[in-house]
Amino acid sequence: MSDTTPVIELVDVTKQFGSFKAVSKASMAISKGEVVGFVGANGAGKTTTISMLLGFIRPTEGTVRLFGKDVTPQNAHRSHERIGYAAGDMELPATLTGRQYLDFLLRQSGTKDRSRLQALIERFSPDLNKKFKNLSRGNKQKVALIAAFATDPDVVILDEPSSGLDPAMQEAFLELIKEVQARGTTVFMSSHYLQEVMSACSRVILMKNGQFIEDVDTKQLMAMGGKRITVKSGYRPTKPPKKAEDVETTFENDLLTLSFVYKGDVSELQSWLAAVKQLKDIEVSEYDLEETFHSLYDTEGDKV
């Protein structure tokens, strides 16, 4: 495998169940060291796509490749030696404790150095002494994440990885993603938490009705969202700048509050602000990520 060969690749992949196409003509390429987010409504085809990557199911048409080699039922287990995997509400052996399960995984992988496992245990602080059937959802998810990263895999595939984690553990998870990316690990992760995707990923692939509809850089996505600008002035007839969207105006206690979304040139916004009479206050914040994704998804009522 050369340095330019994609670590993860789909070429015109279709998966059909009877007359239903769960995935249709999907193509993507992910390079070594990339962290790529995977977003779509429930039923869009994300889990089916991940199942094909892992060799759990076969595509009806097209090619799935990992590390430059086609994934088939016969060789899928070989790629698993280099892959970490975790899913939200992952099925784990009910009668094993977390410690027994992690010990088993390390033995199976031939990993003798336990320092990485210990560091992950200290980071996430799971309850390792109870059997899985007696563990809370959050503790199960902690063990699943530790298992995904414990063998220092080349690729980590995650399906709703922080489901069930509290905010502190979500932050710990995001820090872990940054650390493994710095070491060259490739991460492909689906998530319903948009801020998580934007914080962790350099690219985001959007899926809708079995098709990949967008593959966009996160910086570009943030720029598409624009800025929410809120200005307060003592001059009542203040008008918003050109290219302002979603404009809201209120007048209270002799102050005009003008709020709008701005996606235009920053220098034009600066010129407009300089001309605002009796400017009292200004607030700039990122526009709602939900709205940005909705505009890309282009379907009223769909939630990514």
C-alpha atoms as a PDB file:
ATOM      1  CA  MET A   1       0.000   0.000   0.000  1.00  0.00           C
ATOM      2  CA  SER A   2       1.515   3.339  -1.086  1.00  0.00           C
ATOM      3  CA  ASP A   3       1.254   6.593   0.848  1.00  0.00           C
ATOM      4  CA  THR A   4      -1.249   7.915  -1.714  1.00  0.00           C
ATOM      5  CA  THR A   5      -3.584   4.897  -1.521  1.00  0.00           C
ATOM      6  CA  PRO A   6      -6.799   5.701   0.395  1.00  0.00           C
ATOM      7  CA  VAL A   7      -7.056   3.907   3.726  1.00  0.00           C
ATOM      8  CA  ILE A   8     -10.846   3.705   3.343  1.00  0.00           C
ATOM      9  CA  GLU A   9     -12.498   3.641  -0.064  1.00  0.00           C
ATOM     10  CA  LEU A  10     -15.957   3.044  -1.507  1.00  0.00           C
ATOM     11  CA  VAL A  11     -16.450   2.898  -5.271  1.00  0.00           C
ATOM     12  CA  ASP A  12     -20.048   3.076  -6.568  1.00  0.00           C
ATOM     13  CA  VAL A  13     -21.313   0.976  -3.683  1.00  0.00           C
ATOM     14  CA  THR A  14     -24.959  -0.073  -3.608  1.00  0.00           C
ATOM     15  CA  LYS A  15     -26.647  -2.209  -0.970  1.00  0.00           C
ATOM     16  CA  GLN A  16     -30.120  -3.485  -1.723  1.00  0.00           C
ATOM     17  CA  PHE A  17     -32.453  -5.385   0.578  1.00  0.00           C
ATOM     18  CA  GLY A  18     -35.154  -6.763  -1.675  1.00  0.00           C
ATOM     19  CA  SER A  19     -36.549  -3.771  -3.551  1.00  0.00           C
ATOM     20  CA  PHE A  20     -35.174  -1.274  -0.999  1.00  0.00           C
ATOM     21  CA  LYS A  21     -31.856   0.454  -1.700  1.00  0.00           C
ATOM     22  CA  ALA A  22     -30.279   1.238   1.667  1.00  0.00           C
ATOM     23  CA  VAL A  23     -27.166   2.619  -0.053  1.00  0.00           C
ATOM     24  CA  SER A  24     -27.015   3.775  -3.665  1.00  0.00           C
ATOM     25  CA  LYS A  25     -23.883   4.465  -5.769  1.00  0.00           C
ATOM     26  CA  ALA A  26     -21.866   5.713  -2.786  1.00  0.00           C
ATOM     27  CA  SER A  27     -18.225   6.666  -3.352  1.00  0.00           C
ATOM     28  CA  MET A  28     -15.641   8.171  -1.007  1.00  0.00           C
ATOM     29  CA  ALA A  29     -11.916   8.067  -0.290  1.00  0.00           C
ATOM     30  CA  ILE A  30     -10.305   8.763   3.079  1.00  0.00           C
ATOM     31  CA  SER A  31      -6.549   9.182   3.447  1.00  0.00           C
ATOM     32  CA  LYS A  32      -4.247   8.175   6.281  1.00  0.00           C
ATOM     33  CA  GLY A  33      -4.577  10.474   9.284  1.00  0.00           C
ATOM     34  CA  GLU A  34      -7.900  12.049   8.286  1.00  0.00           C
ATOM     35  CA  VAL A  35     -10.765  12.367  10.753  1.00  0.00           C
ATOM     36  CA  VAL A  36     -13.987  12.321   8.755  1.00  0.00           C
ATOM     37  CA  GLY A  37     -17.496  12.794  10.089  1.00  0.00           C
ATOM     38  CA  PHE A  38     -20.532  10.945   8.744  1.00  0.00           C
ATOM     39  CA  VAL A  39     -23.905  12.617   9.236  1.00  0.00           C
ATOM     40  CA  GLY A  40     -27.460  11.899   8.164  1.00  0.00           C
ATOM     41  CA  ALA A  41     -31.002  11.372   9.388  1.00  0.00           C
ATOM     42  CA  ASN A  42     -31.992   8.091  11.008  1.00  0.00           C
ATOM     43  CA  GLY A  43     -32.449   5.561   8.219  1.00  0.00           C
ATOM     44  CA  ALA A  44     -30.191   7.444   5.801  1.00  0.00           C
ATOM     45  CA  GLY A  45     -27.915   4.413   5.404  1.00  0.00           C
ATOM     46  CA  LYS A  46     -25.003   5.267   7.704  1.00  0.00           C
ATOM     47  CA  THR A  47     -24.960   2.036   9.727  1.00  0.00           C
ATOM     48  CA  THR A  48     -25.378  -0.044   6.563  1.00  0.00           C
ATOM     49  CA  THR A  49     -22.372   1.748   5.064  1.00  0.00           C
ATOM     50  CA  ILE A  50     -20.271   1.084   8.155  1.00  0.00           C
ATOM     51  CA  SER A  51     -21.366  -2.568   8.206  1.00  0.00           C
ATOM     52  CA  MET A  52     -20.085  -2.947   4.640  1.00  0.00           C
ATOM     53  CA  LEU A  53     -16.775  -1.312   5.561  1.00  0.00           C
ATOM     54  CA  LEU A  54     -16.337  -3.848   8.336  1.00  0.00           C
ATOM     55  CA  GLY A  55     -17.311  -6.761   6.102  1.00  0.00           C
ATOM     56  CA  PHE A  56     -20.367  -7.607   8.197  1.00  0.00           C
ATOM     57  CA  ILE A  57     -22.497  -7.439   5.047  1.00  0.00           C
ATOM     58  CA  ARG A  58     -21.584  -7.465   1.357  1.00  0.00           C
ATOM     59  CA  PRO A  59     -22.470  -4.733  -1.133  1.00  0.00           C
ATOM     60  CA  THR A  60     -24.916  -5.637  -3.858  1.00  0.00           C
ATOM     61  CA  GLU A  61     -22.776  -3.677  -6.314  1.00  0.00           C
ATOM     62  CA  GLY A  62     -19.524  -1.749  -6.163  1.00  0.00           C
ATOM     63  CA  THR A  63     -16.259  -2.122  -4.270  1.00  0.00           C
ATOM     64  CA  VAL A  64     -15.289  -1.600  -0.627  1.00  0.00           C
ATOM     65  CA  ARG A  65     -11.580  -1.295   0.114  1.00  0.00           C
ATOM     66  CA  LEU A  66      -9.571  -1.005   3.310  1.00  0.00           C
ATOM     67  CA  PHE A  67      -5.816  -0.409   3.193  1.00  0.00           C
ATOM     68  CA  GLY A  68      -5.957  -0.723  -0.613  1.00  0.00           C
ATOM     69  CA  LYS A  69      -7.498  -4.213  -0.620  1.00  0.00           C
ATOM     70  CA  ASP A  70     -11.049  -5.273  -1.441  1.00  0.00           C
ATOM     71  CA  VAL A  71     -13.104  -6.251   1.602  1.00  0.00           C
ATOM     72  CA  THR A  72     -14.610  -9.705   1.149  1.00  0.00           C
ATOM     73  CA  PRO A  73     -16.129 -12.234   3.572  1.00  0.00           C
ATOM     74  CA  GLN A  74     -12.925 -14.240   3.241  1.00  0.00           C
ATOM     75  CA  ASN A  75     -10.455 -11.467   4.181  1.00  0.00           C
ATOM     76  CA  ALA A  76     -12.508  -9.070   6.334  1.00  0.00           C
ATOM     77  CA  HIS A  77     -11.058 -10.563   9.531  1.00  0.00           C
ATOM     78  CA  ARG A  78      -7.537  -9.632   8.420  1.00  0.00           C
ATOM     79  CA  SER A  79      -8.361  -5.941   8.145  1.00  0.00           C
ATOM     80  CA  HIS A  80     -10.014  -6.148  11.581  1.00  0.00           C
ATOM     81  CA  GLU A  81      -6.567  -6.702  13.076  1.00  0.00           C
ATOM     82  CA  ARG A  82      -5.780  -3.087  12.160  1.00  0.00           C
ATOM     83  CA  ILE A  83      -9.181  -1.590  12.985  1.00  0.00           C
ATOM     84  CA  GLY A  84     -10.818  -0.377  16.176  1.00  0.00           C
ATOM     85  CA  TYR A  85     -14.611  -0.252  16.245  1.00  0.00           C
ATOM     86  CA  ALA A  86     -17.243   1.026  18.643  1.00  0.00           C
ATOM     87  CA  ALA A  87     -20.952   1.774  18.309  1.00  0.00           C
ATOM     88  CA  GLY A  88     -23.583   3.370  20.494  1.00  0.00           C
ATOM     89  CA  ASP A  89     -25.507   0.714  22.449  1.00  0.00           C
ATOM     90  CA  MET A  90     -22.945  -1.841  21.291  1.00  0.00           C
ATOM     91  CA  GLU A  91     -23.708  -5.468  22.042  1.00  0.00           C
ATOM     92  CA  LEU A  92     -21.203  -6.659  24.650  1.00  0.00           C
ATOM     93  CA  PRO A  93     -20.939 -10.090  26.320  1.00  0.00           C
ATOM     94  CA  ALA A  94     -23.441  -9.881  29.184  1.00  0.00           C
ATOM     95  CA  THR A  95     -21.672 -12.264  31.560  1.00  0.00           C
ATOM     96  CA  LEU A  96     -18.184 -10.736  31.315  1.00  0.00           C
ATOM     97  CA  THR A  97     -16.886  -7.840  33.349  1.00  0.00           C
ATOM     98  CA  GLY A  98     -15.314  -4.886  31.565  1.00  0.00           C
ATOM     99  CA  ARG A  99     -11.878  -5.997  32.753  1.00  0.00           C
ATOM    100  CA  GLN A 100     -12.359  -9.534  31.464  1.00  0.00           C
ATOM    101  CA  TYR A 101     -13.519  -8.235  28.100  1.00  0.00           C
ATOM    102  CA  LEU A 102     -10.572  -5.846  27.667  1.00  0.00           C
ATOM    103  CA  ASP A 103      -8.089  -8.525  28.748  1.00  0.00           C
ATOM    104  CA  PHE A 104      -9.602 -10.879  26.178  1.00  0.00           C
ATOM    105  CA  LEU A 105      -9.272  -8.283  23.385  1.00  0.00           C
ATOM    106  CA  LEU A 106      -5.614  -7.637  24.157  1.00  0.00           C
ATOM    107  CA  ARG A 107      -4.848 -11.351  24.187  1.00  0.00           C
ATOM    108  CA  GLN A 108      -6.643 -11.849  20.882  1.00  0.00           C
ATOM    109  CA  SER A 109      -4.740  -9.006  19.243  1.00  0.00           C
ATOM    110  CA  GLY A 110      -1.397 -10.135  20.645  1.00  0.00           C
ATOM    111  CA  THR A 111      -0.889  -6.767  22.360  1.00  0.00           C
ATOM    112  CA  LYS A 112       1.571  -7.200  25.212  1.00  0.00           C
ATOM    113  CA  ASP A 113       2.112  -3.550  26.110  1.00  0.00           C
ATOM    114  CA  ARG A 114      -0.727  -2.620  28.471  1.00  0.00           C
ATOM    115  CA  SER A 115       0.352   0.979  29.020  1.00  0.00           C
ATOM    116  CA  ARG A 116      -2.057   2.316  26.396  1.00  0.00           C
ATOM    117  CA  LEU A 117      -4.944   0.365  27.892  1.00  0.00           C
ATOM    118  CA  GLN A 118      -4.129   1.686  31.349  1.00  0.00           C
ATOM    119  CA  ALA A 119      -3.977   5.269  30.076  1.00  0.00           C
ATOM    120  CA  LEU A 120      -7.419   4.889  28.486  1.00  0.00           C
ATOM    121  CA  ILE A 121      -8.845   3.416  31.688  1.00  0.00           C
ATOM    122  CA  GLU A 122      -7.513   6.387  33.652  1.00  0.00           C
ATOM    123  CA  ARG A 123      -8.985   8.798  31.094  1.00  0.00           C
ATOM    124  CA  PHE A 124     -12.518   7.364  31.057  1.00  0.00           C
ATOM    125  CA  SER A 125     -12.701   5.813  34.559  1.00  0.00           C
ATOM    126  CA  PRO A 126     -15.160   3.010  33.741  1.00  0.00           C
ATOM    127  CA  ASP A 127     -16.487   0.493  36.245  1.00  0.00           C
ATOM    128  CA  LEU A 128     -14.553  -2.602  35.170  1.00  0.00           C
ATOM    129  CA  ASN A 129     -15.624  -4.963  37.942  1.00  0.00           C
ATOM    130  CA  LYS A 130     -19.323  -5.351  37.139  1.00  0.00           C
ATOM    131  CA  LYS A 131     -20.674  -7.649  34.463  1.00  0.00           C
ATOM    132  CA  PHE A 132     -21.952  -5.857  31.382  1.00  0.00           C
ATOM    133  CA  LYS A 133     -25.532  -6.877  32.129  1.00  0.00           C
ATOM    134  CA  ASN A 134     -25.307  -4.824  35.334  1.00  0.00           C
ATOM    135  CA  LEU A 135     -23.560  -1.767  33.868  1.00  0.00           C
ATOM    136  CA  SER A 136     -25.142   1.580  33.050  1.00  0.00           C
ATOM    137  CA  ARG A 137     -25.298   2.666  29.422  1.00  0.00           C
ATOM    138  CA  GLY A 138     -22.573   5.252  29.984  1.00  0.00           C
ATOM    139  CA  ASN A 139     -20.181   2.732  31.517  1.00  0.00           C
ATOM    140  CA  LYS A 140     -20.796   0.266  28.680  1.00  0.00           C
ATOM    141  CA  GLN A 141     -19.961   2.995  26.180  1.00  0.00           C
ATOM    142  CA  LYS A 142     -16.759   3.858  28.027  1.00  0.00           C
ATOM    143  CA  VAL A 143     -15.598   0.239  27.815  1.00  0.00           C
ATOM    144  CA  ALA A 144     -16.549   0.059  24.117  1.00  0.00           C
ATOM    145  CA  LEU A 145     -14.475   3.180  23.365  1.00  0.00           C
ATOM    146  CA  ILE A 146     -11.512   1.907  25.361  1.00  0.00           C
ATOM    147  CA  ALA A 147     -11.696  -1.365  23.417  1.00  0.00           C
ATOM    148  CA  ALA A 148     -11.719   0.523  20.093  1.00  0.00           C
ATOM    149  CA  PHE A 149      -8.484   2.379  20.863  1.00  0.00           C
ATOM    150  CA  ALA A 150      -6.655  -0.032  23.191  1.00  0.00           C
ATOM    151  CA  THR A 151      -4.668  -1.880  20.502  1.00  0.00           C
ATOM    152  CA  ASP A 152      -3.468   1.358  18.820  1.00  0.00           C
ATOM    153  CA  PRO A 153      -5.231   0.557  15.512  1.00  0.00           C
ATOM    154  CA  ASP A 154      -4.432   2.181  12.168  1.00  0.00           C
ATOM    155  CA  VAL A 155      -8.122   2.917  11.542  1.00  0.00           C
ATOM    156  CA  VAL A 156     -10.937   3.555  14.013  1.00  0.00           C
ATOM    157  CA  ILE A 157     -14.540   3.283  12.807  1.00  0.00           C
ATOM    158  CA  LEU A 158     -17.147   4.715  15.160  1.00  0.00           C
ATOM    159  CA  ASP A 159     -20.945   4.648  14.931  1.00  0.00           C
ATOM    160  CA  GLU A 160     -22.477   7.150  17.376  1.00  0.00           C
ATOM    161  CA  PRO A 161     -19.426   6.792  19.668  1.00  0.00           C
ATOM    162  CA  SER A 162     -20.326   9.224  22.439  1.00  0.00           C
ATOM    163  CA  SER A 163     -23.924   8.090  22.832  1.00  0.00           C
ATOM    164  CA  GLY A 164     -24.621   7.775  26.551  1.00  0.00           C
ATOM    165  CA  LEU A 165     -21.548   9.729  27.682  1.00  0.00           C
ATOM    166  CA  ASP A 166     -21.845  12.730  29.961  1.00  0.00           C
ATOM    167  CA  PRO A 167     -20.366  16.097  28.804  1.00  0.00           C
ATOM    168  CA  ALA A 168     -17.054  15.547  30.628  1.00  0.00           C
ATOM    169  CA  MET A 169     -16.566  12.166  28.954  1.00  0.00           C
ATOM    170  CA  GLN A 170     -17.535  13.647  25.580  1.00  0.00           C
ATOM    171  CA  GLU A 171     -14.716  16.167  26.032  1.00  0.00           C
ATOM    172  CA  ALA A 172     -12.319  13.365  26.967  1.00  0.00           C
ATOM    173  CA  PHE A 173     -13.368  11.527  23.812  1.00  0.00           C
ATOM    174  CA  LEU A 174     -12.706  14.568  21.602  1.00  0.00           C
ATOM    175  CA  GLU A 175      -9.259  15.026  23.141  1.00  0.00           C
ATOM    176  CA  LEU A 176      -8.502  11.374  22.410  1.00  0.00           C
ATOM    177  CA  ILE A 177      -9.476  11.849  18.743  1.00  0.00           C
ATOM    178  CA  LYS A 178      -7.037  14.758  18.437  1.00  0.00           C
ATOM    179  CA  GLU A 179      -4.261  12.726  20.023  1.00  0.00           C
ATOM    180  CA  VAL A 180      -4.649   9.684  17.770  1.00  0.00           C
ATOM    181  CA  GLN A 181      -4.905  11.864  14.673  1.00  0.00           C
ATOM    182  CA  ALA A 182      -1.570  13.446  15.598  1.00  0.00           C
ATOM    183  CA  ARG A 183      -0.093   9.926  15.518  1.00  0.00           C
ATOM    184  CA  GLY A 184      -1.484   9.274  12.038  1.00  0.00           C
ATOM    185  CA  THR A 185      -4.571   7.244  12.941  1.00  0.00           C
ATOM    186  CA  THR A 186      -7.495   7.470  10.528  1.00  0.00           C
ATOM    187  CA  VAL A 187     -10.933   7.969  12.084  1.00  0.00           C
ATOM    188  CA  PHE A 188     -14.333   7.619  10.403  1.00  0.00           C
ATOM    189  CA  MET A 189     -17.199   8.467  12.730  1.00  0.00           C
ATOM    190  CA  SER A 190     -20.943   8.907  12.493  1.00  0.00           C
ATOM    191  CA  SER A 191     -22.574  11.153  15.058  1.00  0.00           C
ATOM    192  CA  HIS A 192     -25.798  12.986  15.844  1.00  0.00           C
ATOM    193  CA  TYR A 193     -23.883  15.592  17.844  1.00  0.00           C
ATOM    194  CA  LEU A 194     -23.067  18.282  15.282  1.00  0.00           C
ATOM    195  CA  GLN A 195     -20.701  20.188  17.557  1.00  0.00           C
ATOM    196  CA  GLU A 196     -18.802  16.950  18.136  1.00  0.00           C
ATOM    197  CA  VAL A 197     -18.398  16.453  14.389  1.00  0.00           C
ATOM    198  CA  MET A 198     -17.281  20.031  13.842  1.00  0.00           C
ATOM    199  CA  SER A 199     -14.788  19.847  16.722  1.00  0.00           C
ATOM    200  CA  ALA A 200     -13.232  16.518  15.756  1.00  0.00           C
ATOM    201  CA  CYS A 201     -13.405  16.251  11.970  1.00  0.00           C
ATOM    202  CA  SER A 202     -11.681  17.911   9.039  1.00  0.00           C
ATOM    203  CA  ARG A 203     -14.375  16.766   6.601  1.00  0.00           C
ATOM    204  CA  VAL A 204     -18.041  15.874   6.868  1.00  0.00           C
ATOM    205  CA  ILE A 205     -19.927  13.526   4.551  1.00  0.00           C
ATOM    206  CA  LEU A 206     -23.707  13.989   4.534  1.00  0.00           C
ATOM    207  CA  MET A 207     -25.924  11.045   3.622  1.00  0.00           C
ATOM    208  CA  LYS A 208     -29.574  11.202   2.640  1.00  0.00           C
ATOM    209  CA  ASN A 209     -31.856   8.412   1.434  1.00  0.00           C
ATOM    210  CA  GLY A 210     -28.910   6.095   0.805  1.00  0.00           C
ATOM    211  CA  GLN A 211     -26.835   8.615  -1.152  1.00  0.00           C
ATOM    212  CA  PHE A 212     -23.836  10.779  -0.280  1.00  0.00           C
ATOM    213  CA  ILE A 213     -25.114  14.283  -1.020  1.00  0.00           C
ATOM    214  CA  GLU A 214     -22.211  16.390   0.294  1.00  0.00           C
ATOM    215  CA  ASP A 215     -18.546  15.934   1.144  1.00  0.00           C
ATOM    216  CA  VAL A 216     -17.506  19.229   2.654  1.00  0.00           C
ATOM    217  CA  ASP A 217     -14.552  20.655   4.583  1.00  0.00           C
ATOM    218  CA  THR A 218     -15.585  21.666   8.108  1.00  0.00           C
ATOM    219  CA  LYS A 219     -13.991  25.113   7.733  1.00  0.00           C
ATOM    220  CA  GLN A 220     -16.033  25.637   4.593  1.00  0.00           C
ATOM    221  CA  LEU A 221     -19.112  24.445   6.443  1.00  0.00           C
ATOM    222  CA  MET A 222     -18.524  26.949   9.228  1.00  0.00           C
ATOM    223  CA  ALA A 223     -18.119  29.719   6.651  1.00  0.00           C
ATOM    224  CA  MET A 224     -21.384  28.676   5.017  1.00  0.00           C
ATOM    225  CA  GLY A 225     -23.091  29.081   8.365  1.00  0.00           C
ATOM    226  CA  GLY A 226     -21.908  32.671   8.696  1.00  0.00           C
ATOM    227  CA  LYS A 227     -22.032  34.727  11.887  1.00  0.00           C
ATOM    228  CA  ARG A 228     -24.923  35.834  14.064  1.00  0.00           C
ATOM    229  CA  ILE A 229     -24.440  39.582  14.577  1.00  0.00           C
ATOM    230  CA  THR A 230     -26.323  41.481  17.287  1.00  0.00           C
ATOM    231  CA  VAL A 231     -25.954  45.251  17.404  1.00  0.00           C
ATOM    232  CA  LYS A 232     -27.428  47.704  19.898  1.00  0.00           C
ATOM    233  CA  SER A 233     -27.617  51.372  19.057  1.00  0.00           C
ATOM    234  CA  GLY A 234     -29.377  54.507  20.167  1.00  0.00           C
ATOM    235  CA  TYR A 235     -30.288  55.388  16.601  1.00  0.00           C
ATOM    236  CA  ARG A 236     -33.638  53.865  15.787  1.00  0.00           C
ATOM    237  CA  PRO A 237     -33.690  53.759  11.939  1.00  0.00           C
ATOM    238  CA  THR A 238     -30.464  51.686  11.703  1.00  0.00           C
ATOM    239  CA  LYS A 239     -30.722  49.298   8.730  1.00  0.00           C
ATOM    240  CA  PRO A 240     -28.956  45.947   8.382  1.00  0.00           C
ATOM    241  CA  PRO A 241     -26.118  45.569   5.876  1.00  0.00           C
ATOM    242  CA  LYS A 242     -26.520  44.039   2.451  1.00  0.00           C
ATOM    243  CA  LYS A 243     -26.505  40.210   2.460  1.00  0.00           C
ATOM    244  CA  ALA A 244     -27.963  40.150   5.984  1.00  0.00           C
ATOM    245  CA  GLU A 245     -30.339  37.234   6.546  1.00  0.00           C
ATOM    246  CA  ASP A 246     -32.841  36.266   9.229  1.00  0.00           C
ATOM    247  CA  VAL A 247     -33.111  39.873  10.428  1.00  0.00           C
ATOM    248  CA  GLU A 248     -34.778  40.572  13.783  1.00  0.00           C
ATOM    249  CA  THR A 249     -35.400  44.081  15.158  1.00  0.00           C
ATOM    250  CA  THR A 250     -36.593  45.148  18.616  1.00  0.00           C
ATOM    251  CA  PHE A 251     -36.762  48.551  20.327  1.00  0.00           C
ATOM    252  CA  GLU A 252     -36.728  48.799  24.108  1.00  0.00           C
ATOM    253  CA  ASN A 253     -35.503  51.346  26.676  1.00  0.00           C
ATOM    254  CA  ASP A 254     -34.464  53.753  23.891  1.00  0.00           C
ATOM    255  CA  LEU A 255     -32.156  51.087  22.412  1.00  0.00           C
ATOM    256  CA  LEU A 256     -32.532  49.457  19.023  1.00  0.00           C
ATOM    257  CA  THR A 257     -31.416  45.797  18.951  1.00  0.00           C
ATOM    258  CA  LEU A 258     -30.699  44.566  15.448  1.00  0.00           C
ATOM    259  CA  SER A 259     -29.852  40.865  14.995  1.00  0.00           C
ATOM    260  CA  PHE A 260     -29.036  39.114  11.708  1.00  0.00           C
ATOM    261  CA  VAL A 261     -27.015  36.340  10.085  1.00  0.00           C
ATOM    262  CA  TYR A 262     -24.129  37.593   7.949  1.00  0.00           C
ATOM    263  CA  LYS A 263     -22.355  35.495   5.324  1.00  0.00           C
ATOM    264  CA  GLY A 264     -20.771  38.254   3.275  1.00  0.00           C
ATOM    265  CA  ASP A 265     -17.331  39.836   3.112  1.00  0.00           C
ATOM    266  CA  VAL A 266     -15.909  40.773   6.528  1.00  0.00           C
ATOM    267  CA  SER A 267     -14.535  44.114   5.255  1.00  0.00           C
ATOM    268  CA  GLU A 268     -18.034  45.140   4.143  1.00  0.00           C
ATOM    269  CA  LEU A 269     -19.385  44.266   7.580  1.00  0.00           C
ATOM    270  CA  GLN A 270     -16.643  46.350   9.203  1.00  0.00           C
ATOM    271  CA  SER A 271     -17.536  49.329   6.996  1.00  0.00           C
ATOM    272  CA  TRP A 272     -21.186  48.969   7.926  1.00  0.00           C
ATOM    273  CA  LEU A 273     -20.394  48.803  11.654  1.00  0.00           C
ATOM    274  CA  ALA A 274     -18.209  51.903  11.395  1.00  0.00           C
ATOM    275  CA  ALA A 275     -21.182  53.791   9.981  1.00  0.00           C
ATOM    276  CA  VAL A 276     -23.672  52.731  12.678  1.00  0.00           C
ATOM    277  CA  LYS A 277     -24.722  55.807  14.645  1.00  0.00           C
ATOM    278  CA  GLN A 278     -24.701  55.758  18.465  1.00  0.00           C
ATOM    279  CA  LEU A 279     -23.341  52.189  18.592  1.00  0.00           C
ATOM    280  CA  LYS A 280     -23.701  50.872  22.154  1.00  0.00           C
ATOM    281  CA  ASP A 281     -22.831  47.184  21.944  1.00  0.00           C
ATOM    282  CA  ILE A 282     -22.039  44.401  19.490  1.00  0.00           C
ATOM    283  CA  GLU A 283     -22.049  40.629  19.850  1.00  0.00           C
ATOM    284  CA  VAL A 284     -20.704  38.138  17.298  1.00  0.00           C
ATOM    285  CA  SER A 285     -21.334  34.398  17.554  1.00  0.00           C
ATOM    286  CA  GLU A 286     -21.294  31.352  15.293  1.00  0.00           C
ATOM    287  CA  TYR A 287     -24.555  30.726  13.494  1.00  0.00           C
ATOM    288  CA  ASP A 288     -26.540  27.674  14.598  1.00  0.00           C
ATOM    289  CA  LEU A 289     -24.915  24.549  13.161  1.00  0.00           C
ATOM    290  CA  GLU A 290     -28.301  22.857  12.980  1.00  0.00           C
ATOM    291  CA  GLU A 291     -29.476  25.470  10.492  1.00  0.00           C
ATOM    292  CA  THR A 292     -26.335  25.080   8.402  1.00  0.00           C
ATOM    293  CA  PHE A 293     -26.812  21.343   8.143  1.00  0.00           C
ATOM    294  CA  HIS A 294     -30.509  21.737   7.424  1.00  0.00           C
ATOM    295  CA  SER A 295     -29.725  24.056   4.521  1.00  0.00           C
ATOM    296  CA  LEU A 296     -27.359  21.450   3.068  1.00  0.00           C
ATOM    297  CA  TYR A 297     -29.748  18.604   3.774  1.00  0.00           C
ATOM    298  CA  ASP A 298     -32.482  20.593   2.022  1.00  0.00           C
ATOM    299  CA  THR A 299     -35.432  18.831   3.610  1.00  0.00           C
ATOM    300  CA  GLU A 300     -37.860  20.492   5.989  1.00  0.00           C
ATOM    301  CA  GLY A 301     -38.280  18.550   9.207  1.00  0.00           C
ATOM    302  CA  ASP A 302     -35.320  16.210   8.677  1.00  0.00           C
ATOM    303  CA  LYS A 303     -32.886  16.086  11.544  1.00  0.00           C
ATOM    304  CA  VAL A 304     -29.271  15.111  11.036  1.00  0.00           C
END
